């Protein structure tokens, strides 16, 4: 069987943007982060009031943070990715869900993590979880330095589902785990869908489809 899982909100309650922000603050770049943050505070209020498309807002936010690494080497960004996993994502991992993933692994099933987060972040979390395959948002690098942009499009929403099907050479996962409506297309194409602490839209969809819901 093939088991596919989202990362943020599903395998961890941590968030990449919090980890990246923490890295910038800890590495002497608090001023850079504050210059990024302050003009966006009004949008944060609208987001928290559910007046913005949550997935689009999060994608713009994380893309803006990536822009702060323009000109950095891959090693420098890998350091930020390591910090993000060690200080934010792994400490907040969802053991209930990871235990299910480990059970599938023990039975010899194929496991992969697919996420809209940056590839260096996802690959490090996957390594710690003992998962060999992962799909993520690639970062654009020219001559060994980051351009501050993603290479292509974010691995979210319908793109996540399409990328997964392409990676599986036209197949679909037998079991899929997700937490937001951005995972809906991936969940819908799987034989068994499991939603973890779902957002409002995904909760409604899960009830309509009779999908299993995990709440901690």
N, C-alpha and C. Protein backbone atom coordinates (compact mmCIF):
# COMPACT_ATOMS: atom_id res chain seq x y z
N UNK A 1 0.84 -1.20 0.00
CA UNK A 1 0.00 0.00 0.00
C UNK A 1 0.87 1.25 0.00
N UNK A 2 0.28 2.33 -0.45
CA UNK A 2 0.95 3.63 -0.47
C UNK A 2 0.24 4.55 0.52
N UNK A 3 1.00 5.10 1.45
CA UNK A 3 0.44 6.02 2.45
C UNK A 3 1.09 7.38 2.26
N UNK A 4 0.27 8.40 2.04
CA UNK A 4 0.77 9.76 1.84
C UNK A 4 0.26 10.66 2.95
N UNK A 5 1.12 11.50 3.47
CA UNK A 5 0.72 12.40 4.55
C UNK A 5 1.23 13.81 4.33
N UNK A 6 0.37 14.75 4.63
CA UNK A 6 0.77 16.15 4.74
C UNK A 6 1.70 16.28 5.96
N UNK A 7 2.38 17.40 6.07
CA UNK A 7 3.28 17.62 7.21
C UNK A 7 2.69 18.56 8.25
N UNK A 8 2.67 19.86 7.97
CA UNK A 8 2.25 20.84 8.98
C UNK A 8 0.76 20.70 9.30
N UNK A 9 0.48 20.61 10.59
CA UNK A 9 -0.89 20.45 11.04
C UNK A 9 -1.31 19.00 11.09
N UNK A 10 -0.58 18.14 10.39
CA UNK A 10 -0.93 16.72 10.31
C UNK A 10 0.05 15.87 11.12
N UNK A 11 1.32 15.94 10.78
CA UNK A 11 2.35 15.22 11.52
C UNK A 11 2.95 16.06 12.63
N UNK A 12 2.69 17.35 12.60
CA UNK A 12 3.17 18.27 13.63
C UNK A 12 2.20 19.44 13.76
N UNK A 13 2.10 19.97 14.96
CA UNK A 13 1.31 21.18 15.15
C UNK A 13 2.18 22.42 15.00
N UNK A 14 3.47 22.21 14.76
CA UNK A 14 4.39 23.32 14.54
C UNK A 14 4.21 23.91 13.16
N UNK A 15 4.87 25.04 12.91
CA UNK A 15 4.73 25.73 11.63
C UNK A 15 6.10 26.19 11.12
N UNK A 16 6.33 25.98 9.84
CA UNK A 16 7.60 26.38 9.24
C UNK A 16 7.86 27.87 9.43
N UNK A 17 6.84 28.70 9.25
CA UNK A 17 7.07 30.15 9.34
C UNK A 17 7.54 30.54 10.73
N UNK A 18 7.01 29.85 11.76
CA UNK A 18 7.47 30.15 13.12
C UNK A 18 8.94 29.76 13.30
N UNK A 19 9.30 28.61 12.73
CA UNK A 19 10.69 28.17 12.83
C UNK A 19 11.64 29.10 12.09
N UNK A 20 11.26 29.51 10.89
CA UNK A 20 12.10 30.43 10.11
C UNK A 20 12.23 31.77 10.84
N UNK A 21 11.11 32.25 11.37
CA UNK A 21 11.15 33.51 12.13
C UNK A 21 12.06 33.38 13.34
N UNK A 22 11.96 32.25 14.04
CA UNK A 22 12.81 32.01 15.20
C UNK A 22 14.27 31.98 14.82
N UNK A 23 14.58 31.39 13.68
CA UNK A 23 15.96 31.34 13.22
C UNK A 23 16.49 32.74 12.95
N UNK A 24 15.70 33.55 12.27
CA UNK A 24 16.13 34.92 11.97
C UNK A 24 16.38 35.71 13.25
N UNK A 25 15.49 35.54 14.23
CA UNK A 25 15.65 36.25 15.50
C UNK A 25 16.90 35.77 16.24
N UNK A 26 17.14 34.46 16.18
CA UNK A 26 18.26 33.89 16.92
C UNK A 26 19.61 34.12 16.24
N UNK A 27 19.58 34.44 14.95
CA UNK A 27 20.84 34.59 14.21
C UNK A 27 21.20 36.05 13.96
N UNK A 28 20.63 36.95 14.74
CA UNK A 28 20.99 38.35 14.63
C UNK A 28 20.29 39.11 13.53
N UNK A 29 19.19 38.56 13.02
CA UNK A 29 18.48 39.23 11.93
C UNK A 29 17.08 39.66 12.36
N UNK A 30 16.95 40.01 13.63
CA UNK A 30 15.65 40.44 14.15
C UNK A 30 15.14 41.67 13.40
N UNK A 31 16.03 42.58 13.05
CA UNK A 31 15.62 43.80 12.34
C UNK A 31 15.02 43.46 10.98
N UNK A 32 15.64 42.50 10.28
CA UNK A 32 15.11 42.08 8.98
C UNK A 32 13.72 41.48 9.14
N UNK A 33 13.56 40.64 10.17
CA UNK A 33 12.25 40.01 10.38
C UNK A 33 11.20 41.06 10.74
N UNK A 34 11.56 42.01 11.57
CA UNK A 34 10.60 43.04 11.96
C UNK A 34 10.20 43.92 10.78
N UNK A 35 11.15 44.19 9.88
CA UNK A 35 10.81 44.95 8.67
C UNK A 35 9.83 44.17 7.79
N UNK A 36 9.95 42.87 7.82
CA UNK A 36 9.00 42.03 7.09
C UNK A 36 7.64 42.00 7.79
N UNK A 37 7.67 41.88 9.12
CA UNK A 37 6.46 41.67 9.90
C UNK A 37 5.57 42.90 10.02
N UNK A 38 6.15 44.03 10.38
CA UNK A 38 5.34 45.21 10.74
C UNK A 38 4.37 45.65 9.65
N UNK A 39 4.77 45.73 8.38
CA UNK A 39 3.80 46.16 7.36
C UNK A 39 2.67 45.15 7.14
N UNK A 40 2.87 43.92 7.59
CA UNK A 40 1.89 42.87 7.36
C UNK A 40 0.94 42.65 8.54
N UNK A 41 1.15 43.37 9.63
CA UNK A 41 0.32 43.16 10.81
C UNK A 41 -1.17 43.37 10.54
N UNK A 42 -1.58 44.38 9.75
CA UNK A 42 -3.02 44.51 9.47
C UNK A 42 -3.60 43.27 8.79
N UNK A 43 -2.82 42.65 7.91
CA UNK A 43 -3.28 41.44 7.23
C UNK A 43 -3.40 40.28 8.21
N UNK A 44 -2.53 40.26 9.22
CA UNK A 44 -2.61 39.21 10.24
C UNK A 44 -3.96 39.29 10.96
N UNK A 45 -4.39 40.52 11.27
CA UNK A 45 -5.68 40.69 11.92
C UNK A 45 -6.83 40.18 11.07
N UNK A 46 -6.78 40.47 9.78
CA UNK A 46 -7.83 39.99 8.87
C UNK A 46 -7.81 38.47 8.77
N UNK A 47 -6.60 37.90 8.76
CA UNK A 47 -6.46 36.44 8.69
C UNK A 47 -7.06 35.79 9.93
N UNK A 48 -6.74 36.34 11.09
CA UNK A 48 -7.25 35.76 12.34
C UNK A 48 -8.76 35.91 12.47
N UNK A 49 -9.31 36.90 11.79
CA UNK A 49 -10.76 37.11 11.80
C UNK A 49 -11.45 36.30 10.70
N UNK A 50 -10.67 35.43 10.03
CA UNK A 50 -11.20 34.58 8.95
C UNK A 50 -11.77 35.39 7.79
N UNK A 51 -11.16 36.55 7.52
CA UNK A 51 -11.61 37.40 6.42
C UNK A 51 -10.73 37.27 5.19
N UNK A 52 -9.73 36.39 5.27
CA UNK A 52 -8.84 36.14 4.14
C UNK A 52 -8.81 34.66 3.83
N UNK A 53 -8.47 34.33 2.60
CA UNK A 53 -8.23 32.94 2.23
C UNK A 53 -7.00 32.46 3.00
N UNK A 54 -7.21 31.55 3.95
CA UNK A 54 -6.13 31.14 4.84
C UNK A 54 -4.94 30.54 4.12
N UNK A 55 -5.20 29.66 3.16
CA UNK A 55 -4.10 29.00 2.46
C UNK A 55 -3.30 29.99 1.63
N UNK A 56 -3.99 30.90 0.94
CA UNK A 56 -3.30 31.90 0.13
C UNK A 56 -2.47 32.83 1.02
N UNK A 57 -3.02 33.19 2.18
CA UNK A 57 -2.29 34.06 3.10
C UNK A 57 -1.02 33.38 3.59
N UNK A 58 -1.15 32.11 3.98
CA UNK A 58 0.02 31.38 4.48
C UNK A 58 1.08 31.23 3.39
N UNK A 59 0.64 30.97 2.16
CA UNK A 59 1.61 30.84 1.07
C UNK A 59 2.36 32.15 0.82
N UNK A 60 1.63 33.27 0.85
CA UNK A 60 2.28 34.57 0.65
C UNK A 60 3.25 34.87 1.80
N UNK A 61 2.85 34.49 3.00
CA UNK A 61 3.68 34.76 4.18
C UNK A 61 4.99 33.99 4.09
N UNK A 62 4.90 32.71 3.79
CA UNK A 62 6.10 31.89 3.74
C UNK A 62 6.98 32.30 2.56
N UNK A 63 6.35 32.72 1.45
CA UNK A 63 7.13 33.20 0.29
C UNK A 63 7.87 34.48 0.65
N UNK A 64 7.23 35.34 1.44
CA UNK A 64 7.87 36.56 1.87
C UNK A 64 9.07 36.29 2.76
N UNK A 65 8.94 35.29 3.63
CA UNK A 65 10.07 34.92 4.48
C UNK A 65 11.23 34.38 3.64
N UNK A 66 10.90 33.59 2.63
CA UNK A 66 11.95 33.05 1.76
C UNK A 66 12.73 34.18 1.10
N UNK A 67 12.04 35.25 0.76
CA UNK A 67 12.69 36.39 0.11
C UNK A 67 13.78 37.00 0.97
N UNK A 68 13.66 36.83 2.31
CA UNK A 68 14.68 37.36 3.21
C UNK A 68 16.00 36.60 3.10
N UNK A 69 15.97 35.46 2.41
CA UNK A 69 17.18 34.66 2.25
C UNK A 69 17.81 34.85 0.87
N UNK A 70 17.36 35.86 0.13
CA UNK A 70 17.94 36.15 -1.18
C UNK A 70 19.45 36.36 -1.06
N UNK A 71 20.21 35.65 -1.87
CA UNK A 71 21.66 35.78 -1.85
C UNK A 71 22.36 34.85 -0.89
N UNK A 72 21.61 34.18 -0.03
CA UNK A 72 22.22 33.23 0.92
C UNK A 72 22.62 31.95 0.19
N UNK A 73 23.60 31.26 0.73
CA UNK A 73 24.01 29.99 0.15
C UNK A 73 23.03 28.90 0.57
N UNK A 74 23.09 27.78 -0.14
CA UNK A 74 22.24 26.65 0.23
C UNK A 74 22.56 26.17 1.65
N UNK A 75 23.84 26.18 2.01
CA UNK A 75 24.22 25.76 3.36
C UNK A 75 23.59 26.67 4.41
N UNK A 76 23.54 27.95 4.14
CA UNK A 76 22.93 28.88 5.10
C UNK A 76 21.43 28.61 5.25
N UNK A 77 20.76 28.34 4.14
CA UNK A 77 19.33 28.04 4.25
C UNK A 77 19.11 26.68 4.89
N UNK A 78 19.99 25.74 4.63
CA UNK A 78 19.88 24.43 5.26
C UNK A 78 20.00 24.56 6.78
N UNK A 79 20.82 25.49 7.23
CA UNK A 79 20.94 25.76 8.67
C UNK A 79 19.62 26.25 9.23
N UNK A 80 18.94 27.12 8.48
CA UNK A 80 17.62 27.60 8.90
C UNK A 80 16.60 26.47 8.92
N UNK A 81 16.70 25.58 7.93
CA UNK A 81 15.79 24.44 7.87
C UNK A 81 16.01 23.51 9.06
N UNK A 82 17.27 23.27 9.39
CA UNK A 82 17.59 22.42 10.53
C UNK A 82 17.04 23.03 11.82
N UNK A 83 17.21 24.32 11.99
CA UNK A 83 16.69 25.02 13.17
C UNK A 83 15.17 24.87 13.23
N UNK A 84 14.51 25.04 12.10
CA UNK A 84 13.05 24.97 12.04
C UNK A 84 12.54 23.61 12.47
N UNK A 85 13.19 22.57 12.01
CA UNK A 85 12.76 21.22 12.39
C UNK A 85 13.07 20.94 13.85
N UNK A 86 14.28 21.25 14.28
CA UNK A 86 14.71 20.90 15.64
C UNK A 86 14.01 21.73 16.71
N UNK A 87 13.71 22.98 16.40
CA UNK A 87 13.16 23.88 17.42
C UNK A 87 11.64 24.06 17.32
N UNK A 88 11.05 23.73 16.18
CA UNK A 88 9.63 24.00 16.00
C UNK A 88 8.82 22.76 15.56
N UNK A 89 9.20 22.13 14.48
CA UNK A 89 8.37 21.06 13.94
C UNK A 89 8.46 19.76 14.72
N UNK A 90 9.68 19.31 15.01
CA UNK A 90 9.82 18.03 15.70
C UNK A 90 9.35 18.09 17.16
N UNK A 91 9.66 19.12 17.92
CA UNK A 91 9.14 19.18 19.30
C UNK A 91 7.62 19.18 19.37
N UNK A 92 6.95 19.63 18.31
CA UNK A 92 5.50 19.70 18.28
C UNK A 92 4.88 18.59 17.42
N UNK A 93 5.64 17.53 17.20
CA UNK A 93 5.14 16.42 16.38
C UNK A 93 3.90 15.78 17.02
N UNK A 94 3.04 15.26 16.16
CA UNK A 94 1.83 14.58 16.61
C UNK A 94 2.13 13.08 16.68
N UNK A 95 2.43 12.60 17.89
CA UNK A 95 2.82 11.21 18.06
C UNK A 95 1.70 10.25 17.68
N UNK A 96 0.45 10.65 17.92
CA UNK A 96 -0.68 9.78 17.58
C UNK A 96 -0.66 9.42 16.10
N UNK A 97 -0.43 10.41 15.27
CA UNK A 97 -0.41 10.17 13.82
C UNK A 97 0.88 9.47 13.41
N UNK A 98 2.00 9.88 13.97
CA UNK A 98 3.28 9.25 13.63
C UNK A 98 3.29 7.78 14.01
N UNK A 99 2.60 7.41 15.08
CA UNK A 99 2.52 6.00 15.46
C UNK A 99 1.81 5.19 14.38
N UNK A 100 0.78 5.78 13.78
CA UNK A 100 0.09 5.08 12.69
C UNK A 100 1.01 4.93 11.49
N UNK A 101 1.77 5.98 11.20
CA UNK A 101 2.72 5.91 10.08
C UNK A 101 3.77 4.83 10.34
N UNK A 102 4.27 4.77 11.56
CA UNK A 102 5.28 3.76 11.90
C UNK A 102 4.71 2.35 11.78
N UNK A 103 3.44 2.19 12.13
CA UNK A 103 2.80 0.88 12.02
C UNK A 103 2.73 0.44 10.56
N UNK A 104 2.40 1.37 9.67
CA UNK A 104 2.40 1.05 8.24
C UNK A 104 3.81 0.71 7.77
N UNK A 105 4.81 1.47 8.26
CA UNK A 105 6.20 1.19 7.89
C UNK A 105 6.60 -0.21 8.31
N UNK A 106 6.22 -0.59 9.52
CA UNK A 106 6.58 -1.90 10.05
C UNK A 106 5.99 -3.03 9.21
N UNK A 107 4.88 -2.74 8.55
CA UNK A 107 4.24 -3.74 7.69
C UNK A 107 4.80 -3.72 6.27
N UNK A 108 5.77 -2.84 6.03
CA UNK A 108 6.44 -2.81 4.74
C UNK A 108 5.77 -1.96 3.68
N UNK A 109 4.84 -1.09 4.08
CA UNK A 109 4.15 -0.25 3.12
C UNK A 109 5.01 0.96 2.73
N UNK A 110 4.70 1.52 1.58
CA UNK A 110 5.42 2.68 1.06
C UNK A 110 4.86 3.95 1.68
N UNK A 111 5.73 4.76 2.29
CA UNK A 111 5.32 5.98 2.98
C UNK A 111 5.96 7.18 2.31
N UNK A 112 5.18 8.25 2.17
CA UNK A 112 5.78 9.50 1.71
C UNK A 112 5.09 10.68 2.36
N UNK A 113 5.86 11.73 2.55
CA UNK A 113 5.35 12.99 3.10
C UNK A 113 5.28 14.00 1.96
N UNK A 114 4.15 14.66 1.82
CA UNK A 114 4.01 15.69 0.80
C UNK A 114 3.53 16.98 1.46
N UNK A 115 4.24 18.06 1.21
CA UNK A 115 3.99 19.29 1.96
C UNK A 115 4.24 20.53 1.11
N UNK A 116 3.58 21.61 1.47
CA UNK A 116 3.82 22.88 0.81
C UNK A 116 5.04 23.60 1.37
N UNK A 117 5.61 23.07 2.42
CA UNK A 117 6.80 23.69 3.01
C UNK A 117 8.00 23.48 2.10
N UNK A 118 9.10 24.15 2.43
CA UNK A 118 10.29 24.10 1.59
C UNK A 118 10.97 22.74 1.66
N UNK A 119 11.53 22.31 0.54
CA UNK A 119 12.12 20.98 0.44
C UNK A 119 13.17 20.69 1.52
N UNK A 120 14.10 21.62 1.84
CA UNK A 120 15.08 21.30 2.88
C UNK A 120 14.45 21.06 4.25
N UNK A 121 13.34 21.75 4.53
CA UNK A 121 12.64 21.56 5.80
C UNK A 121 11.95 20.20 5.82
N UNK A 122 11.23 19.89 4.77
CA UNK A 122 10.47 18.63 4.71
C UNK A 122 11.40 17.43 4.73
N UNK A 123 12.51 17.50 4.01
CA UNK A 123 13.43 16.36 3.96
C UNK A 123 14.04 16.09 5.33
N UNK A 124 14.31 17.14 6.10
CA UNK A 124 14.88 16.94 7.43
C UNK A 124 13.86 16.34 8.39
N UNK A 125 12.62 16.79 8.31
CA UNK A 125 11.60 16.18 9.15
C UNK A 125 11.41 14.73 8.76
N UNK A 126 11.38 14.45 7.47
CA UNK A 126 11.20 13.08 6.99
C UNK A 126 12.31 12.17 7.50
N UNK A 127 13.54 12.67 7.49
CA UNK A 127 14.67 11.88 7.99
C UNK A 127 14.46 11.51 9.45
N UNK A 128 14.02 12.47 10.25
CA UNK A 128 13.82 12.20 11.67
C UNK A 128 12.67 11.22 11.89
N UNK A 129 11.69 11.26 10.98
CA UNK A 129 10.54 10.35 11.09
C UNK A 129 10.82 8.99 10.46
N UNK A 130 11.98 8.85 9.83
CA UNK A 130 12.32 7.59 9.19
C UNK A 130 11.61 7.36 7.88
N UNK A 131 11.21 8.45 7.22
CA UNK A 131 10.51 8.36 5.93
C UNK A 131 11.48 8.75 4.82
N UNK A 132 11.58 7.91 3.80
CA UNK A 132 12.57 8.13 2.75
C UNK A 132 12.07 8.99 1.59
N UNK A 133 10.77 9.01 1.35
CA UNK A 133 10.23 9.76 0.21
C UNK A 133 9.51 11.02 0.68
N UNK A 134 9.73 12.12 -0.01
CA UNK A 134 8.97 13.32 0.30
C UNK A 134 8.86 14.22 -0.92
N UNK A 135 7.77 14.95 -0.97
CA UNK A 135 7.52 15.96 -2.00
C UNK A 135 7.33 17.29 -1.27
N UNK A 136 7.84 18.37 -1.85
CA UNK A 136 7.78 19.65 -1.16
C UNK A 136 7.92 20.78 -2.17
N UNK A 137 7.89 22.01 -1.67
CA UNK A 137 8.08 23.18 -2.52
C UNK A 137 9.58 23.42 -2.73
N UNK A 138 10.06 23.35 -3.96
CA UNK A 138 11.49 23.54 -4.21
C UNK A 138 11.88 25.01 -4.16
N UNK A 139 13.07 25.28 -3.66
CA UNK A 139 13.57 26.65 -3.63
C UNK A 139 14.44 26.89 -4.85
N UNK A 140 14.41 28.10 -5.36
CA UNK A 140 15.17 28.45 -6.56
C UNK A 140 16.59 28.84 -6.18
N UNK A 141 17.55 28.18 -6.80
CA UNK A 141 18.97 28.42 -6.52
C UNK A 141 19.70 28.64 -7.84
N UNK A 142 20.47 29.70 -7.93
CA UNK A 142 21.30 29.98 -9.11
C UNK A 142 22.74 30.20 -8.65
N UNK A 143 23.65 29.45 -9.23
CA UNK A 143 25.07 29.55 -8.88
C UNK A 143 25.29 29.39 -7.38
N UNK A 144 24.54 28.47 -6.78
CA UNK A 144 24.73 28.14 -5.38
C UNK A 144 24.10 29.09 -4.39
N UNK A 145 23.35 30.08 -4.89
CA UNK A 145 22.72 31.05 -3.98
C UNK A 145 21.23 31.16 -4.24
N UNK A 146 20.47 31.38 -3.17
CA UNK A 146 19.03 31.48 -3.28
C UNK A 146 18.62 32.76 -3.99
N UNK A 147 17.61 32.65 -4.84
CA UNK A 147 17.07 33.84 -5.50
C UNK A 147 16.00 34.50 -4.66
N UNK A 148 15.56 33.81 -3.61
CA UNK A 148 14.47 34.34 -2.78
C UNK A 148 13.10 33.95 -3.29
N UNK A 149 13.07 33.07 -4.29
CA UNK A 149 11.80 32.62 -4.87
C UNK A 149 11.72 31.10 -4.84
N UNK A 150 10.51 30.59 -4.99
CA UNK A 150 10.35 29.15 -5.14
C UNK A 150 10.62 28.78 -6.59
N UNK A 151 11.03 27.56 -6.81
CA UNK A 151 11.30 27.08 -8.17
C UNK A 151 10.03 26.45 -8.72
N UNK A 152 9.22 27.25 -9.37
CA UNK A 152 7.94 26.75 -9.87
C UNK A 152 6.81 27.23 -8.98
N UNK A 153 5.96 26.30 -8.57
CA UNK A 153 4.82 26.65 -7.74
C UNK A 153 4.87 25.90 -6.41
N UNK A 154 4.13 26.42 -5.43
CA UNK A 154 4.06 25.77 -4.13
C UNK A 154 3.37 24.41 -4.26
N UNK A 155 3.84 23.46 -3.48
CA UNK A 155 3.26 22.11 -3.49
C UNK A 155 2.05 22.08 -2.56
N UNK A 156 1.00 22.81 -2.95
CA UNK A 156 -0.20 22.89 -2.12
C UNK A 156 -1.44 22.73 -3.00
N UNK A 157 -2.57 22.47 -2.35
CA UNK A 157 -3.85 22.41 -3.04
C UNK A 157 -3.88 21.41 -4.19
N UNK A 158 -4.44 21.84 -5.31
CA UNK A 158 -4.55 20.95 -6.47
C UNK A 158 -3.18 20.57 -7.02
N UNK A 159 -2.20 21.46 -6.86
CA UNK A 159 -0.84 21.15 -7.30
C UNK A 159 -0.26 20.00 -6.49
N UNK A 160 -0.57 19.98 -5.20
CA UNK A 160 -0.08 18.88 -4.35
C UNK A 160 -0.64 17.55 -4.85
N UNK A 161 -1.93 17.51 -5.15
CA UNK A 161 -2.55 16.28 -5.63
C UNK A 161 -1.96 15.87 -6.98
N UNK A 162 -1.79 16.84 -7.89
CA UNK A 162 -1.24 16.54 -9.21
C UNK A 162 0.21 16.06 -9.12
N UNK A 163 1.00 16.72 -8.28
CA UNK A 163 2.40 16.31 -8.11
C UNK A 163 2.50 14.91 -7.53
N UNK A 164 1.61 14.60 -6.60
CA UNK A 164 1.62 13.28 -5.98
C UNK A 164 1.27 12.21 -7.00
N UNK A 165 0.22 12.45 -7.79
CA UNK A 165 -0.17 11.47 -8.80
C UNK A 165 0.95 11.28 -9.83
N UNK A 166 1.61 12.37 -10.20
CA UNK A 166 2.73 12.28 -11.14
C UNK A 166 3.87 11.47 -10.53
N UNK A 167 4.17 11.74 -9.27
CA UNK A 167 5.25 11.02 -8.58
C UNK A 167 4.94 9.53 -8.49
N UNK A 168 3.66 9.21 -8.35
CA UNK A 168 3.23 7.81 -8.24
C UNK A 168 2.92 7.21 -9.61
N UNK A 169 3.31 7.91 -10.66
CA UNK A 169 3.15 7.44 -12.04
C UNK A 169 1.71 7.09 -12.36
N UNK A 170 0.81 8.00 -11.97
CA UNK A 170 -0.60 7.83 -12.29
C UNK A 170 -1.42 7.14 -11.23
N UNK A 171 -0.77 6.57 -10.24
CA UNK A 171 -1.50 5.91 -9.16
C UNK A 171 -1.95 6.93 -8.12
N UNK A 172 -2.77 6.47 -7.19
CA UNK A 172 -3.23 7.30 -6.09
C UNK A 172 -2.87 6.61 -4.78
N UNK A 173 -2.73 7.35 -3.70
CA UNK A 173 -2.41 6.71 -2.42
C UNK A 173 -3.58 5.86 -1.92
N UNK A 174 -3.25 4.81 -1.22
CA UNK A 174 -4.29 4.00 -0.59
C UNK A 174 -4.84 4.70 0.63
N UNK A 175 -3.95 5.36 1.37
CA UNK A 175 -4.34 6.10 2.58
C UNK A 175 -3.68 7.47 2.52
N UNK A 176 -4.44 8.51 2.84
CA UNK A 176 -3.88 9.87 2.86
C UNK A 176 -4.30 10.58 4.14
N UNK A 177 -3.39 11.36 4.69
CA UNK A 177 -3.63 12.15 5.90
C UNK A 177 -3.49 13.63 5.56
N UNK A 178 -4.41 14.46 6.07
CA UNK A 178 -4.32 15.90 5.86
C UNK A 178 -5.07 16.66 6.93
N UNK A 179 -4.89 17.98 6.97
CA UNK A 179 -5.51 18.75 8.06
C UNK A 179 -6.28 19.98 7.60
N UNK A 180 -6.04 20.47 6.38
CA UNK A 180 -6.76 21.65 5.90
C UNK A 180 -7.43 21.35 4.57
N UNK A 181 -8.31 22.26 4.16
CA UNK A 181 -9.02 22.05 2.90
C UNK A 181 -8.06 22.06 1.71
N UNK A 182 -6.86 22.61 1.90
CA UNK A 182 -5.85 22.55 0.84
C UNK A 182 -5.45 21.11 0.53
N UNK A 183 -5.71 20.20 1.46
CA UNK A 183 -5.40 18.78 1.26
C UNK A 183 -6.57 18.01 0.65
N UNK A 184 -7.67 18.69 0.39
CA UNK A 184 -8.90 18.02 -0.02
C UNK A 184 -8.72 17.16 -1.28
N UNK A 185 -8.08 17.71 -2.31
CA UNK A 185 -7.92 16.96 -3.56
C UNK A 185 -7.10 15.69 -3.33
N UNK A 186 -6.06 15.77 -2.53
CA UNK A 186 -5.25 14.59 -2.22
C UNK A 186 -6.07 13.57 -1.44
N UNK A 187 -6.83 14.04 -0.48
CA UNK A 187 -7.64 13.14 0.33
C UNK A 187 -8.72 12.47 -0.52
N UNK A 188 -9.34 13.25 -1.39
CA UNK A 188 -10.45 12.73 -2.20
C UNK A 188 -9.99 11.64 -3.15
N UNK A 189 -8.75 11.72 -3.63
CA UNK A 189 -8.30 10.72 -4.60
C UNK A 189 -7.76 9.45 -3.94
N UNK A 190 -7.66 9.45 -2.61
CA UNK A 190 -7.16 8.27 -1.91
C UNK A 190 -8.31 7.30 -1.60
N UNK A 191 -7.96 6.05 -1.39
CA UNK A 191 -8.97 5.05 -1.04
C UNK A 191 -9.50 5.27 0.36
N UNK A 192 -8.61 5.63 1.28
CA UNK A 192 -8.98 5.92 2.66
C UNK A 192 -8.42 7.28 3.03
N UNK A 193 -9.27 8.18 3.50
CA UNK A 193 -8.84 9.53 3.89
C UNK A 193 -8.96 9.69 5.40
N UNK A 194 -7.92 10.27 5.99
CA UNK A 194 -7.91 10.53 7.43
C UNK A 194 -7.59 12.01 7.63
N UNK A 195 -8.43 12.71 8.36
CA UNK A 195 -8.18 14.13 8.60
C UNK A 195 -7.78 14.34 10.05
N UNK A 196 -6.81 15.23 10.25
CA UNK A 196 -6.22 15.45 11.57
C UNK A 196 -6.48 16.89 12.00
N UNK A 197 -7.17 17.07 13.12
CA UNK A 197 -7.47 18.41 13.62
C UNK A 197 -7.87 19.34 12.45
N UNK A 198 -8.91 18.99 11.72
CA UNK A 198 -9.22 19.71 10.48
C UNK A 198 -9.70 21.14 10.69
N UNK A 199 -9.43 21.97 9.67
CA UNK A 199 -10.01 23.31 9.69
C UNK A 199 -11.50 23.19 9.37
N UNK A 200 -12.21 24.31 9.43
CA UNK A 200 -13.66 24.27 9.31
C UNK A 200 -14.13 23.67 7.99
N UNK A 201 -13.55 24.11 6.89
CA UNK A 201 -13.98 23.62 5.58
C UNK A 201 -13.69 22.13 5.42
N UNK A 202 -12.54 21.68 5.89
CA UNK A 202 -12.22 20.27 5.75
C UNK A 202 -13.09 19.44 6.69
N UNK A 203 -13.41 19.97 7.85
CA UNK A 203 -14.29 19.26 8.78
C UNK A 203 -15.65 19.00 8.15
N UNK A 204 -16.18 20.01 7.46
CA UNK A 204 -17.47 19.86 6.78
C UNK A 204 -17.36 18.79 5.69
N UNK A 205 -16.27 18.84 4.92
CA UNK A 205 -16.07 17.86 3.85
C UNK A 205 -15.90 16.46 4.42
N UNK A 206 -15.18 16.34 5.53
CA UNK A 206 -14.96 15.04 6.15
C UNK A 206 -16.28 14.43 6.60
N UNK A 207 -17.13 15.25 7.19
CA UNK A 207 -18.45 14.76 7.62
C UNK A 207 -19.27 14.30 6.42
N UNK A 208 -19.20 15.06 5.34
CA UNK A 208 -19.98 14.72 4.14
C UNK A 208 -19.51 13.40 3.52
N UNK A 209 -18.20 13.16 3.56
CA UNK A 209 -17.64 11.94 2.95
C UNK A 209 -17.55 10.77 3.92
N UNK A 210 -17.76 11.04 5.19
CA UNK A 210 -17.62 9.98 6.18
C UNK A 210 -16.18 9.61 6.47
N UNK A 211 -15.28 10.59 6.31
CA UNK A 211 -13.88 10.32 6.56
C UNK A 211 -13.58 10.28 8.06
N UNK A 212 -12.59 9.49 8.39
CA UNK A 212 -12.16 9.40 9.79
C UNK A 212 -11.49 10.70 10.21
N UNK A 213 -11.75 11.12 11.45
CA UNK A 213 -11.19 12.35 11.99
C UNK A 213 -10.39 12.03 13.25
N UNK A 214 -9.17 12.53 13.31
CA UNK A 214 -8.33 12.38 14.51
C UNK A 214 -8.27 13.73 15.21
N UNK A 215 -8.63 13.74 16.47
CA UNK A 215 -8.52 14.96 17.28
C UNK A 215 -7.72 14.62 18.53
N UNK A 216 -6.79 15.50 18.88
CA UNK A 216 -5.95 15.24 20.05
C UNK A 216 -6.46 16.01 21.26
